[in-house]
Each structure stands twice: as C-alpha cells, then as structure tokens.
Amino acid sequence: MYLHSSLEPILKETYGVIVYQEQVIQIANRVGGMSLAEADLLRRAMGKKDLIAMKQQQEKFVEGAAKNGISNKVASEIFEAIDKFANYGFNKSHAVAYSYVPIRPHI
C-alpha cells in the first residue's frame, strides 16, 4: 500500500519501499514539487545526515506537496519515510554492486 497514489509509479518496482536515492529524487520532484536541483540538495542533506538541512528540506517538501493537493499529514508521512531511508540508502548502481556476492569454489 502506498501513502499516496502518486508514489506507485516510483515505488512499484521495489514493492512500495524506498530503496534507492533516485526514488527519493523522483518523490521530491513529483510529490514535493521540488525541482531536480532542489531534490538533489535533499539527497545531499540525507547523505551528510545534516539534521538542520533535512528540516529545511522537509518544510519545502510539505509546502510543495500542498500545492500538489497532498495534505500536510500525508506529505509529512512521506517525508518521514524518506528520512528513515536516509540512514540506509544508496544510489541504484551502488546498491546493485553491493548486493553482488561472488561465489568462490572451496579449495
């Protein structure tokens, strides 16, 4: 289940869970009404775990979402999911590389 229907095309491939930084950028752009440059600032704040910058980005996100007809409550819940992701997320190419486990024959 998605917090908002606009998340489905972004999160469908990962079964409704934010897994990649690229998904955060798309959510910030489509849901939060942020430009791609602004969304990248959010991504950087997440990567640096900058709490002050994240609070500022949350305000921008919620305001932008309101302009897209999304309630403050739902927008805040979506941003909370983004914030939780920030502690664990990678971009898609890194996530794929980290998930690869080479199989070595036993000697």
N, C-alpha and C. Protein backbone atom coordinates (compact mmCIF):
# COMPACT_ATOMS: atom_id res chain seq x y z
N MET A 1 0.84 -1.18 0.00
CA MET A 1 0.00 0.00 0.00
C MET A 1 0.89 1.25 0.00
N TYR A 2 0.48 2.24 -0.74
CA TYR A 2 1.24 3.47 -0.88
C TYR A 2 0.62 4.57 -0.03
N LEU A 3 1.46 5.43 0.54
CA LEU A 3 0.95 6.55 1.33
C LEU A 3 0.14 7.51 0.47
N HIS A 4 0.44 7.55 -0.82
CA HIS A 4 -0.31 8.38 -1.77
C HIS A 4 -0.19 7.71 -3.13
N SER A 5 -1.23 7.80 -3.94
CA SER A 5 -1.24 7.13 -5.24
C SER A 5 -0.12 7.60 -6.17
N SER A 6 0.37 8.82 -5.98
CA SER A 6 1.44 9.33 -6.85
C SER A 6 2.77 8.61 -6.61
N LEU A 7 2.87 7.85 -5.53
CA LEU A 7 4.09 7.09 -5.24
C LEU A 7 4.16 5.78 -6.02
N GLU A 8 3.02 5.28 -6.46
CA GLU A 8 3.01 3.96 -7.09
C GLU A 8 3.96 3.84 -8.28
N PRO A 9 3.95 4.76 -9.25
CA PRO A 9 4.87 4.57 -10.38
C PRO A 9 6.34 4.66 -9.98
N ILE A 10 6.63 5.32 -8.89
CA ILE A 10 8.01 5.49 -8.44
C ILE A 10 8.48 4.27 -7.63
N LEU A 11 7.59 3.71 -6.82
CA LEU A 11 7.97 2.65 -5.89
C LEU A 11 7.49 1.26 -6.27
N LYS A 12 6.79 1.15 -7.38
CA LYS A 12 6.22 -0.15 -7.77
C LYS A 12 7.30 -1.23 -7.89
N GLU A 13 8.42 -0.91 -8.50
CA GLU A 13 9.49 -1.89 -8.73
C GLU A 13 10.07 -2.43 -7.42
N THR A 14 9.95 -1.65 -6.34
CA THR A 14 10.50 -2.07 -5.05
C THR A 14 9.39 -2.35 -4.03
N TYR A 15 8.21 -2.69 -4.56
CA TYR A 15 7.07 -3.11 -3.74
C TYR A 15 6.68 -2.09 -2.67
N GLY A 16 6.73 -0.80 -3.05
CA GLY A 16 6.26 0.26 -2.17
C GLY A 16 7.26 0.76 -1.16
N VAL A 17 8.49 0.26 -1.22
CA VAL A 17 9.51 0.64 -0.26
C VAL A 17 10.56 1.51 -0.96
N ILE A 18 10.97 2.59 -0.30
CA ILE A 18 12.04 3.42 -0.85
C ILE A 18 13.35 2.67 -0.66
N VAL A 19 14.02 2.37 -1.76
CA VAL A 19 15.26 1.60 -1.71
C VAL A 19 16.44 2.39 -2.27
N TYR A 20 16.18 3.23 -3.26
CA TYR A 20 17.26 3.92 -3.97
C TYR A 20 17.16 5.44 -3.83
N GLN A 21 18.29 6.09 -3.86
CA GLN A 21 18.32 7.56 -3.81
C GLN A 21 17.56 8.16 -4.99
N GLU A 22 17.62 7.51 -6.14
CA GLU A 22 16.90 8.02 -7.31
C GLU A 22 15.40 8.11 -7.05
N GLN A 23 14.87 7.19 -6.25
CA GLN A 23 13.46 7.24 -5.90
C GLN A 23 13.15 8.46 -5.04
N VAL A 24 14.06 8.80 -4.14
CA VAL A 24 13.86 9.99 -3.30
C VAL A 24 13.81 11.23 -4.18
N ILE A 25 14.70 11.30 -5.15
CA ILE A 25 14.72 12.46 -6.05
C ILE A 25 13.40 12.55 -6.82
N GLN A 26 12.91 11.41 -7.31
CA GLN A 26 11.63 11.41 -8.04
C GLN A 26 10.47 11.81 -7.14
N ILE A 27 10.46 11.32 -5.91
CA ILE A 27 9.38 11.66 -4.97
C ILE A 27 9.42 13.15 -4.66
N ALA A 28 10.61 13.67 -4.40
CA ALA A 28 10.75 15.10 -4.11
C ALA A 28 10.26 15.94 -5.28
N ASN A 29 10.55 15.48 -6.49
CA ASN A 29 10.16 16.22 -7.68
C ASN A 29 8.66 16.12 -7.93
N ARG A 30 8.12 14.92 -7.97
CA ARG A 30 6.72 14.71 -8.35
C ARG A 30 5.74 15.00 -7.22
N VAL A 31 6.08 14.60 -6.01
CA VAL A 31 5.16 14.78 -4.88
C VAL A 31 5.40 16.13 -4.22
N GLY A 32 6.67 16.43 -3.94
CA GLY A 32 7.01 17.65 -3.21
C GLY A 32 7.16 18.88 -4.08
N GLY A 33 6.99 18.73 -5.40
CA GLY A 33 7.04 19.87 -6.30
C GLY A 33 8.41 20.54 -6.35
N MET A 34 9.45 19.83 -5.97
CA MET A 34 10.79 20.39 -5.97
C MET A 34 11.41 20.21 -7.36
N SER A 35 12.25 21.17 -7.74
CA SER A 35 12.98 20.99 -8.99
C SER A 35 13.98 19.85 -8.79
N LEU A 36 14.55 19.35 -9.88
CA LEU A 36 15.54 18.29 -9.74
C LEU A 36 16.77 18.77 -8.98
N ALA A 37 17.13 20.03 -9.15
CA ALA A 37 18.27 20.60 -8.41
C ALA A 37 17.94 20.65 -6.91
N GLU A 38 16.72 21.06 -6.57
CA GLU A 38 16.31 21.08 -5.16
C GLU A 38 16.26 19.67 -4.58
N ALA A 39 15.77 18.73 -5.39
CA ALA A 39 15.70 17.33 -4.95
C ALA A 39 17.10 16.79 -4.70
N ASP A 40 18.07 17.22 -5.50
CA ASP A 40 19.44 16.78 -5.29
C ASP A 40 20.01 17.35 -4.00
N LEU A 41 19.59 18.56 -3.63
CA LEU A 41 20.01 19.13 -2.34
C LEU A 41 19.47 18.28 -1.19
N LEU A 42 18.25 17.79 -1.34
CA LEU A 42 17.67 16.88 -0.35
C LEU A 42 18.52 15.62 -0.26
N ARG A 43 18.89 15.07 -1.41
CA ARG A 43 19.71 13.86 -1.44
C ARG A 43 21.05 14.08 -0.73
N ARG A 44 21.65 15.24 -0.98
CA ARG A 44 22.93 15.55 -0.33
C ARG A 44 22.78 15.70 1.18
N ALA A 45 21.71 16.38 1.60
CA ALA A 45 21.46 16.54 3.04
C ALA A 45 21.28 15.18 3.71
N MET A 46 20.60 14.26 3.01
CA MET A 46 20.42 12.91 3.53
C MET A 46 21.78 12.23 3.68
N GLY A 47 22.58 12.33 2.63
CA GLY A 47 23.88 11.66 2.63
C GLY A 47 24.80 12.15 3.73
N LYS A 48 24.71 13.43 4.03
CA LYS A 48 25.56 14.02 5.07
C LYS A 48 24.92 13.92 6.45
N LYS A 49 23.68 13.44 6.50
CA LYS A 49 22.91 13.35 7.75
C LYS A 49 22.87 14.70 8.47
N ASP A 50 22.64 15.73 7.64
CA ASP A 50 22.58 17.11 8.13
C ASP A 50 21.16 17.39 8.62
N LEU A 51 20.96 17.34 9.93
CA LEU A 51 19.63 17.47 10.51
C LEU A 51 19.00 18.83 10.24
N ILE A 52 19.80 19.89 10.26
CA ILE A 52 19.26 21.24 10.01
C ILE A 52 18.79 21.34 8.56
N ALA A 53 19.62 20.88 7.64
CA ALA A 53 19.25 20.92 6.22
C ALA A 53 18.04 20.03 5.96
N MET A 54 17.96 18.87 6.63
CA MET A 54 16.82 17.97 6.44
C MET A 54 15.53 18.64 6.91
N LYS A 55 15.59 19.37 8.00
CA LYS A 55 14.40 20.08 8.49
C LYS A 55 13.95 21.12 7.46
N GLN A 56 14.91 21.84 6.88
CA GLN A 56 14.58 22.84 5.86
C GLN A 56 13.99 22.16 4.62
N GLN A 57 14.56 21.03 4.25
CA GLN A 57 14.04 20.30 3.08
C GLN A 57 12.64 19.76 3.36
N GLN A 58 12.38 19.36 4.58
CA GLN A 58 11.05 18.86 4.93
C GLN A 58 10.01 19.97 4.76
N GLU A 59 10.35 21.18 5.20
CA GLU A 59 9.42 22.31 5.04
C GLU A 59 9.13 22.57 3.57
N LYS A 60 10.17 22.57 2.73
CA LYS A 60 9.97 22.77 1.29
C LYS A 60 9.12 21.66 0.70
N PHE A 61 9.39 20.43 1.11
CA PHE A 61 8.67 19.28 0.59
C PHE A 61 7.19 19.36 0.92
N VAL A 62 6.88 19.62 2.18
CA VAL A 62 5.48 19.68 2.62
C VAL A 62 4.74 20.83 1.94
N GLU A 63 5.40 21.97 1.81
CA GLU A 63 4.79 23.12 1.11
C GLU A 63 4.52 22.78 -0.35
N GLY A 64 5.48 22.16 -1.00
CA GLY A 64 5.31 21.77 -2.40
C GLY A 64 4.23 20.74 -2.58
N ALA A 65 4.16 19.80 -1.67
CA ALA A 65 3.13 18.76 -1.74
C ALA A 65 1.74 19.37 -1.58
N ALA A 66 1.63 20.36 -0.72
CA ALA A 66 0.34 21.04 -0.53
C ALA A 66 -0.12 21.68 -1.84
N LYS A 67 0.83 22.25 -2.58
CA LYS A 67 0.50 22.85 -3.89
C LYS A 67 0.05 21.79 -4.88
N ASN A 68 0.45 20.54 -4.64
CA ASN A 68 0.03 19.42 -5.50
C ASN A 68 -1.21 18.72 -4.95
N GLY A 69 -1.85 19.34 -3.96
CA GLY A 69 -3.10 18.80 -3.43
C GLY A 69 -2.93 17.68 -2.43
N ILE A 70 -1.75 17.55 -1.85
CA ILE A 70 -1.48 16.49 -0.88
C ILE A 70 -1.50 17.12 0.51
N SER A 71 -2.22 16.50 1.42
CA SER A 71 -2.36 17.06 2.76
C SER A 71 -1.01 17.10 3.48
N ASN A 72 -0.92 18.00 4.46
CA ASN A 72 0.30 18.11 5.26
C ASN A 72 0.59 16.80 5.99
N LYS A 73 -0.46 16.14 6.45
CA LYS A 73 -0.30 14.87 7.18
C LYS A 73 0.35 13.82 6.28
N VAL A 74 -0.19 13.63 5.09
CA VAL A 74 0.35 12.63 4.16
C VAL A 74 1.75 13.02 3.72
N ALA A 75 1.95 14.30 3.41
CA ALA A 75 3.28 14.77 2.99
C ALA A 75 4.31 14.54 4.09
N SER A 76 3.92 14.79 5.32
CA SER A 76 4.83 14.56 6.45
C SER A 76 5.15 13.08 6.61
N GLU A 77 4.16 12.22 6.40
CA GLU A 77 4.39 10.78 6.49
C GLU A 77 5.34 10.31 5.38
N ILE A 78 5.17 10.85 4.19
CA ILE A 78 6.07 10.50 3.08
C ILE A 78 7.48 10.97 3.40
N PHE A 79 7.60 12.19 3.91
CA PHE A 79 8.94 12.70 4.23
C PHE A 79 9.57 11.88 5.36
N GLU A 80 8.77 11.44 6.30
CA GLU A 80 9.28 10.59 7.38
C GLU A 80 9.87 9.30 6.80
N ALA A 81 9.20 8.74 5.79
CA ALA A 81 9.72 7.54 5.12
C ALA A 81 11.05 7.85 4.43
N ILE A 82 11.13 9.02 3.81
CA ILE A 82 12.38 9.45 3.17
C ILE A 82 13.47 9.58 4.23
N ASP A 83 13.13 10.18 5.34
CA ASP A 83 14.11 10.40 6.41
C ASP A 83 14.63 9.07 6.97
N LYS A 84 13.75 8.10 7.14
CA LYS A 84 14.17 6.77 7.61
C LYS A 84 15.11 6.12 6.59
N PHE A 85 14.78 6.28 5.34
CA PHE A 85 15.61 5.73 4.26
C PHE A 85 17.01 6.32 4.28
N ALA A 86 17.12 7.58 4.68
CA ALA A 86 18.40 8.31 4.62
C ALA A 86 19.52 7.59 5.35
N ASN A 87 19.19 6.82 6.37
CA ASN A 87 20.22 6.13 7.14
C ASN A 87 20.78 4.90 6.42
N TYR A 88 20.09 4.43 5.40
CA TYR A 88 20.47 3.15 4.79
C TYR A 88 20.62 3.19 3.28
N GLY A 89 20.21 4.26 2.63
CA GLY A 89 20.08 4.25 1.19
C GLY A 89 21.35 4.49 0.39
N PHE A 90 21.36 3.92 -0.79
CA PHE A 90 22.42 4.12 -1.77
C PHE A 90 21.77 4.45 -3.10
N ASN A 91 22.59 4.92 -4.05
CA ASN A 91 22.03 5.04 -5.38
C ASN A 91 21.92 3.63 -5.97
N LYS A 92 21.14 3.50 -7.02
CA LYS A 92 20.80 2.18 -7.54
C LYS A 92 22.04 1.41 -7.99
N SER A 93 22.96 2.07 -8.66
CA SER A 93 24.13 1.35 -9.16
C SER A 93 25.00 0.82 -8.01
N HIS A 94 25.13 1.59 -6.94
CA HIS A 94 25.90 1.11 -5.79
C HIS A 94 25.17 -0.05 -5.10
N ALA A 95 23.87 0.07 -4.96
CA ALA A 95 23.10 -0.98 -4.29
C ALA A 95 23.25 -2.30 -5.03
N VAL A 96 23.23 -2.27 -6.35
CA VAL A 96 23.39 -3.49 -7.13
C VAL A 96 24.79 -4.05 -6.94
N ALA A 97 25.79 -3.18 -6.98
CA ALA A 97 27.17 -3.65 -6.81
C ALA A 97 27.37 -4.24 -5.41
N TYR A 98 26.81 -3.63 -4.38
CA TYR A 98 26.97 -4.14 -3.02
C TYR A 98 26.23 -5.46 -2.81
N SER A 99 25.21 -5.69 -3.61
CA SER A 99 24.43 -6.91 -3.43
C SER A 99 25.08 -8.12 -4.11
N TYR A 100 26.07 -7.89 -4.94
CA TYR A 100 26.71 -8.97 -5.66
C TYR A 100 27.68 -9.69 -4.72
N VAL A 101 27.49 -10.98 -4.61
CA VAL A 101 28.39 -11.79 -3.78
C VAL A 101 29.03 -12.82 -4.70
N PRO A 102 30.33 -12.69 -4.94
CA PRO A 102 30.98 -13.66 -5.82
C PRO A 102 31.04 -15.04 -5.16
N ILE A 103 30.89 -16.04 -5.94
CA ILE A 103 30.95 -17.40 -5.43
C ILE A 103 32.34 -17.95 -5.75
N ARG A 104 33.03 -18.33 -4.71
CA ARG A 104 34.36 -18.90 -4.90
C ARG A 104 34.31 -20.38 -4.59
N PRO A 105 34.96 -21.15 -5.40
CA PRO A 105 34.99 -22.60 -5.11
C PRO A 105 35.85 -22.84 -3.86
N HIS A 106 35.46 -23.82 -3.09
CA HIS A 106 36.23 -24.20 -1.91
C HIS A 106 37.50 -24.94 -2.35
N ILE A 107 38.58 -24.60 -1.76
CA ILE A 107 39.85 -25.24 -2.13
C ILE A 107 40.28 -26.17 -1.02
